[in-house]
Amino acid sequence: MTPLATDLLPLFRRDLRCFIREVGLFPDDAALWRTVPGIANSAGNLALHLSGNLQHFVGAVLGGTGYARQREREFAQREGTRASVVAELEAALAAVEAGLTALTPDVQAAPFPVPVGPHHPPTGIFLMHLATHLAFHLGQAGYLRRALTGDPASAGAMAVADLLEQR
């Protein structure tokens, strides 16, 4: 594992575990799939999207897990249990751990092994992008839950203490 992977792994762990807590704060399964006017994706869709994204790019591409992404399903699904969404997030965490553990200095220094749309970003920069992408959607899910339920409870996102415990 490279020094970058060693530094990124606690971020991914913290934020995926926080997303799991966020899903648990929804009052029921149906609420996870609701949105408000002007918002296309539910917190359930955001969680599935992040899970698929990380299982594909980090798990399958870097870690060789064999995961086959179904990106359209990530956005098309409109119902499911909180438990099934948590299971997807837990699978993403396992995939991230596999992919980052397998990361070598040569792979990190090279362009990402598969194109990302029309782009070929450096692997290290793309991994940082994936970490910020996770944090962005985690924040969206928390804000959406609060708007839908009126519940101001926090899932504890961005806690530095949690970050240090994940090392």
C-alpha atoms as a PDB file:
ATOM      1  CA  MET A   1       0.000   0.000   0.000  1.00  0.00           C
ATOM      2  CA  THR A   2       1.304   3.432  -0.921  1.00  0.00           C
ATOM      3  CA  PRO A   3       1.559   6.373   1.488  1.00  0.00           C
ATOM      4  CA  LEU A   4      -1.352   8.032  -0.343  1.00  0.00           C
ATOM      5  CA  ALA A   5      -3.504   4.920   0.082  1.00  0.00           C
ATOM      6  CA  THR A   6      -2.518   4.784   3.751  1.00  0.00           C
ATOM      7  CA  ASP A   7      -3.759   8.371   4.141  1.00  0.00           C
ATOM      8  CA  LEU A   8      -6.921   7.946   2.061  1.00  0.00           C
ATOM      9  CA  LEU A   9      -8.136   4.713   3.632  1.00  0.00           C
ATOM     10  CA  PRO A  10      -9.128   6.362   6.957  1.00  0.00           C
ATOM     11  CA  LEU A  11     -11.096   9.014   5.033  1.00  0.00           C
ATOM     12  CA  PHE A  12     -13.019   6.410   3.069  1.00  0.00           C
ATOM     13  CA  ARG A  13     -13.635   4.347   6.204  1.00  0.00           C
ATOM     14  CA  ARG A  14     -14.880   7.337   8.201  1.00  0.00           C
ATOM     15  CA  ASP A  15     -17.180   8.636   5.485  1.00  0.00           C
ATOM     16  CA  LEU A  16     -18.621   5.263   4.467  1.00  0.00           C
ATOM     17  CA  ARG A  17     -19.317   4.418   8.120  1.00  0.00           C
ATOM     18  CA  CYS A  18     -20.930   7.832   8.519  1.00  0.00           C
ATOM     19  CA  PHE A  19     -23.083   7.214   5.452  1.00  0.00           C
ATOM     20  CA  ILE A  20     -24.200   3.959   7.070  1.00  0.00           C
ATOM     21  CA  ARG A  21     -25.182   5.919  10.198  1.00  0.00           C
ATOM     22  CA  GLU A  22     -26.958   8.483   7.999  1.00  0.00           C
ATOM     23  CA  VAL A  23     -29.060   5.746   6.373  1.00  0.00           C
ATOM     24  CA  GLY A  24     -29.966   4.517   9.857  1.00  0.00           C
ATOM     25  CA  LEU A  25     -31.269   7.967  10.821  1.00  0.00           C
ATOM     26  CA  PHE A  26     -34.030   7.796   8.213  1.00  0.00           C
ATOM     27  CA  PRO A  27     -37.244   6.982  10.090  1.00  0.00           C
ATOM     28  CA  ASP A  28     -38.244   4.129   7.754  1.00  0.00           C
ATOM     29  CA  ASP A  29     -37.328   2.459   4.473  1.00  0.00           C
ATOM     30  CA  ALA A  30     -39.685   4.578   2.361  1.00  0.00           C
ATOM     31  CA  ALA A  31     -38.205   7.860   3.608  1.00  0.00           C
ATOM     32  CA  LEU A  32     -34.789   6.871   2.238  1.00  0.00           C
ATOM     33  CA  TRP A  33     -36.226   7.027  -1.304  1.00  0.00           C
ATOM     34  CA  ARG A  34     -38.098  10.345  -1.038  1.00  0.00           C
ATOM     35  CA  THR A  35     -36.911  13.650  -2.421  1.00  0.00           C
ATOM     36  CA  VAL A  36     -38.033  17.259  -2.318  1.00  0.00           C
ATOM     37  CA  PRO A  37     -38.982  19.405  -5.316  1.00  0.00           C
ATOM     38  CA  GLY A  38     -35.954  20.228  -7.431  1.00  0.00           C
ATOM     39  CA  ILE A  39     -33.925  17.256  -6.170  1.00  0.00           C
ATOM     40  CA  ALA A  40     -33.739  14.256  -8.511  1.00  0.00           C
ATOM     41  CA  ASN A  41     -31.847  11.745  -6.377  1.00  0.00           C
ATOM     42  CA  SER A  42     -32.922  10.339  -3.040  1.00  0.00           C
ATOM     43  CA  ALA A  43     -30.443   9.513  -0.293  1.00  0.00           C
ATOM     44  CA  GLY A  44     -30.977   5.868  -1.260  1.00  0.00           C
ATOM     45  CA  ASN A  45     -29.894   6.648  -4.823  1.00  0.00           C
ATOM     46  CA  LEU A  46     -26.877   8.601  -3.588  1.00  0.00           C
ATOM     47  CA  ALA A  47     -25.820   5.684  -1.391  1.00  0.00           C
ATOM     48  CA  LEU A  48     -26.217   3.172  -4.236  1.00  0.00           C
ATOM     49  CA  HIS A  49     -24.334   5.498  -6.591  1.00  0.00           C
ATOM     50  CA  LEU A  50     -21.399   5.848  -4.216  1.00  0.00           C
ATOM     51  CA  SER A  51     -21.370   2.154  -3.496  1.00  0.00           C
ATOM     52  CA  GLY A  52     -21.349   1.251  -7.182  1.00  0.00           C
ATOM     53  CA  ASN A  53     -18.778   3.914  -7.983  1.00  0.00           C
ATOM     54  CA  LEU A  54     -16.338   2.765  -5.294  1.00  0.00           C
ATOM     55  CA  GLN A  55     -16.895  -0.940  -5.854  1.00  0.00           C
ATOM     56  CA  HIS A  56     -16.155  -0.405  -9.542  1.00  0.00           C
ATOM     57  CA  PHE A  57     -13.282   2.071  -9.579  1.00  0.00           C
ATOM     58  CA  VAL A  58     -11.452   1.071  -6.403  1.00  0.00           C
ATOM     59  CA  GLY A  59     -12.585  -2.509  -5.832  1.00  0.00           C
ATOM     60  CA  ALA A  60     -12.797  -3.950  -9.342  1.00  0.00           C
ATOM     61  CA  VAL A  61     -10.271  -1.817 -11.221  1.00  0.00           C
ATOM     62  CA  LEU A  62      -7.573  -1.503  -8.543  1.00  0.00           C
ATOM     63  CA  GLY A  63      -8.376  -4.468  -6.303  1.00  0.00           C
ATOM     64  CA  GLY A  64      -9.500  -7.034  -8.854  1.00  0.00           C
ATOM     65  CA  THR A  65     -12.705  -7.873  -6.966  1.00  0.00           C
ATOM     66  CA  GLY A  66     -14.665  -8.723 -10.120  1.00  0.00           C
ATOM     67  CA  TYR A  67     -17.536  -6.362  -9.268  1.00  0.00           C
ATOM     68  CA  ALA A  68     -19.746  -5.549 -12.277  1.00  0.00           C
ATOM     69  CA  ARG A  69     -21.319  -2.109 -11.971  1.00  0.00           C
ATOM     70  CA  GLN A  70     -24.946  -1.407 -12.844  1.00  0.00           C
ATOM     71  CA  ARG A  71     -24.824   2.396 -12.925  1.00  0.00           C
ATOM     72  CA  GLU A  72     -28.338   2.830 -14.340  1.00  0.00           C
ATOM     73  CA  ARG A  73     -29.808   0.877 -11.386  1.00  0.00           C
ATOM     74  CA  GLU A  74     -28.044   3.201  -8.936  1.00  0.00           C
ATOM     75  CA  PHE A  75     -30.254   6.068 -10.131  1.00  0.00           C
ATOM     76  CA  ALA A  76     -33.356   4.164 -11.265  1.00  0.00           C
ATOM     77  CA  GLN A  77     -34.114   2.263  -8.061  1.00  0.00           C
ATOM     78  CA  ARG A  78     -36.944   3.888  -6.119  1.00  0.00           C
ATOM     79  CA  GLU A  79     -37.470   1.496  -3.207  1.00  0.00           C
ATOM     80  CA  GLY A  80     -35.634  -0.928  -0.995  1.00  0.00           C
ATOM     81  CA  THR A  81     -34.740  -1.465   2.621  1.00  0.00           C
ATOM     82  CA  ARG A  82     -32.311   0.529   4.656  1.00  0.00           C
ATOM     83  CA  ALA A  83     -30.618  -2.783   5.470  1.00  0.00           C
ATOM     84  CA  SER A  84     -29.999  -3.536   1.787  1.00  0.00           C
ATOM     85  CA  VAL A  85     -28.527  -0.072   1.244  1.00  0.00           C
ATOM     86  CA  VAL A  86     -26.293  -0.502   4.300  1.00  0.00           C
ATOM     87  CA  ALA A  87     -25.128  -3.839   2.876  1.00  0.00           C
ATOM     88  CA  GLU A  88     -24.132  -2.056  -0.358  1.00  0.00           C
ATOM     89  CA  LEU A  89     -22.191   0.561   1.607  1.00  0.00           C
ATOM     90  CA  GLU A  90     -20.456  -2.168   3.613  1.00  0.00           C
ATOM     91  CA  ALA A  91     -19.534  -3.893   0.343  1.00  0.00           C
ATOM     92  CA  ALA A  92     -18.107  -0.594  -0.890  1.00  0.00           C
ATOM     93  CA  LEU A  93     -15.990  -0.333   2.253  1.00  0.00           C
ATOM     94  CA  ALA A  94     -14.619  -3.848   1.711  1.00  0.00           C
ATOM     95  CA  ALA A  95     -13.913  -3.016  -1.934  1.00  0.00           C
ATOM     96  CA  VAL A  96     -12.081   0.188  -1.015  1.00  0.00           C
ATOM     97  CA  GLU A  97      -9.980  -1.695   1.501  1.00  0.00           C
ATOM     98  CA  ALA A  98      -9.116  -4.325  -1.146  1.00  0.00           C
ATOM     99  CA  GLY A  99      -8.293  -1.757  -3.802  1.00  0.00           C
ATOM    100  CA  LEU A 100      -6.218   0.558  -1.659  1.00  0.00           C
ATOM    101  CA  THR A 101      -4.348  -2.328  -0.072  1.00  0.00           C
ATOM    102  CA  ALA A 102      -3.411  -3.565  -3.550  1.00  0.00           C
ATOM    103  CA  LEU A 103      -2.245  -0.132  -4.744  1.00  0.00           C
ATOM    104  CA  THR A 104       1.421  -0.079  -5.736  1.00  0.00           C
ATOM    105  CA  PRO A 105       3.601   2.981  -6.332  1.00  0.00           C
ATOM    106  CA  ASP A 106       3.763   2.165 -10.062  1.00  0.00           C
ATOM    107  CA  VAL A 107      -0.028   1.997 -10.417  1.00  0.00           C
ATOM    108  CA  GLN A 108      -0.493   5.150  -8.354  1.00  0.00           C
ATOM    109  CA  ALA A 109       1.994   7.085 -10.514  1.00  0.00           C
ATOM    110  CA  ALA A 110       0.362   5.994 -13.789  1.00  0.00           C
ATOM    111  CA  PRO A 111      -2.873   7.155 -15.382  1.00  0.00           C
ATOM    112  CA  PHE A 112      -5.914   5.391 -13.915  1.00  0.00           C
ATOM    113  CA  PRO A 113      -6.021   1.904 -15.479  1.00  0.00           C
ATOM    114  CA  VAL A 114      -9.369   2.483 -17.237  1.00  0.00           C
ATOM    115  CA  PRO A 115     -10.733   5.645 -18.829  1.00  0.00           C
ATOM    116  CA  VAL A 116     -13.042   7.768 -16.717  1.00  0.00           C
ATOM    117  CA  GLY A 117     -15.448   8.936 -19.374  1.00  0.00           C
ATOM    118  CA  PRO A 118     -13.174  10.520 -21.963  1.00  0.00           C
ATOM    119  CA  HIS A 119     -10.462  11.230 -19.363  1.00  0.00           C
ATOM    120  CA  HIS A 120      -7.313   9.438 -18.195  1.00  0.00           C
ATOM    121  CA  PRO A 121      -6.585  11.101 -14.830  1.00  0.00           C
ATOM    122  CA  PRO A 122      -3.532  10.220 -12.760  1.00  0.00           C
ATOM    123  CA  THR A 123      -4.517   7.446 -10.348  1.00  0.00           C
ATOM    124  CA  GLY A 124      -3.550   9.382  -7.212  1.00  0.00           C
ATOM    125  CA  ILE A 125      -5.578  12.441  -8.188  1.00  0.00           C
ATOM    126  CA  PHE A 126      -8.544  10.259  -9.185  1.00  0.00           C
ATOM    127  CA  LEU A 127      -8.483   8.536  -5.788  1.00  0.00           C
ATOM    128  CA  MET A 128      -8.591  11.947  -4.103  1.00  0.00           C
ATOM    129  CA  HIS A 129     -11.505  12.846  -6.371  1.00  0.00           C
ATOM    130  CA  LEU A 130     -13.346   9.683  -5.276  1.00  0.00           C
ATOM    131  CA  ALA A 131     -12.848  10.610  -1.613  1.00  0.00           C
ATOM    132  CA  THR A 132     -14.245  14.115  -2.133  1.00  0.00           C
ATOM    133  CA  HIS A 133     -17.076  12.722  -4.270  1.00  0.00           C
ATOM    134  CA  LEU A 134     -18.050  10.487  -1.340  1.00  0.00           C
ATOM    135  CA  ALA A 135     -17.965  13.405   1.102  1.00  0.00           C
ATOM    136  CA  PHE A 136     -20.036  15.572  -1.271  1.00  0.00           C
ATOM    137  CA  HIS A 137     -22.836  13.012  -1.595  1.00  0.00           C
ATOM    138  CA  LEU A 138     -22.719  12.175   2.116  1.00  0.00           C
ATOM    139  CA  GLY A 139     -23.409  15.837   2.842  1.00  0.00           C
ATOM    140  CA  GLN A 140     -26.241  15.879   0.327  1.00  0.00           C
ATOM    141  CA  ALA A 141     -27.849  12.821   1.923  1.00  0.00           C
ATOM    142  CA  GLY A 142     -27.665  14.359   5.392  1.00  0.00           C
ATOM    143  CA  TYR A 143     -29.123  17.639   4.241  1.00  0.00           C
ATOM    144  CA  LEU A 144     -31.896  15.865   2.335  1.00  0.00           C
ATOM    145  CA  ARG A 145     -32.789  13.734   5.374  1.00  0.00           C
ATOM    146  CA  ARG A 146     -33.073  16.825   7.546  1.00  0.00           C
ATOM    147  CA  ALA A 147     -35.235  18.601   4.944  1.00  0.00           C
ATOM    148  CA  LEU A 148     -37.527  15.586   4.586  1.00  0.00           C
ATOM    149  CA  THR A 149     -37.922  14.754   8.262  1.00  0.00           C
ATOM    150  CA  GLY A 150     -37.258  17.971  10.139  1.00  0.00           C
ATOM    151  CA  ASP A 151     -34.921  15.933  12.352  1.00  0.00           C
ATOM    152  CA  PRO A 152     -31.747  17.940  13.067  1.00  0.00           C
ATOM    153  CA  ALA A 153     -29.811  14.896  14.342  1.00  0.00           C
ATOM    154  CA  SER A 154     -26.290  14.572  12.995  1.00  0.00           C
ATOM    155  CA  ALA A 155     -24.684  11.376  11.748  1.00  0.00           C
ATOM    156  CA  GLY A 156     -21.354  12.865  12.833  1.00  0.00           C
ATOM    157  CA  ALA A 157     -19.864  13.574   9.423  1.00  0.00           C
ATOM    158  CA  MET A 158     -16.352  15.002   9.212  1.00  0.00           C
ATOM    159  CA  ALA A 159     -15.363  14.194  12.797  1.00  0.00           C
ATOM    160  CA  VAL A 160     -11.578  14.411  13.061  1.00  0.00           C
ATOM    161  CA  ALA A 161     -11.608  11.994  16.016  1.00  0.00           C
ATOM    162  CA  ASP A 162     -13.322   9.401  13.805  1.00  0.00           C
ATOM    163  CA  LEU A 163     -10.688   9.975  11.150  1.00  0.00           C
ATOM    164  CA  LEU A 164      -7.876   9.283  13.591  1.00  0.00           C
ATOM    165  CA  GLU A 165      -9.595   6.137  14.896  1.00  0.00           C
ATOM    166  CA  GLN A 166      -9.755   4.673  11.366  1.00  0.00           C
ATOM    167  CA  ARG A 167      -5.954   4.527  10.941  1.00  0.00           C
END
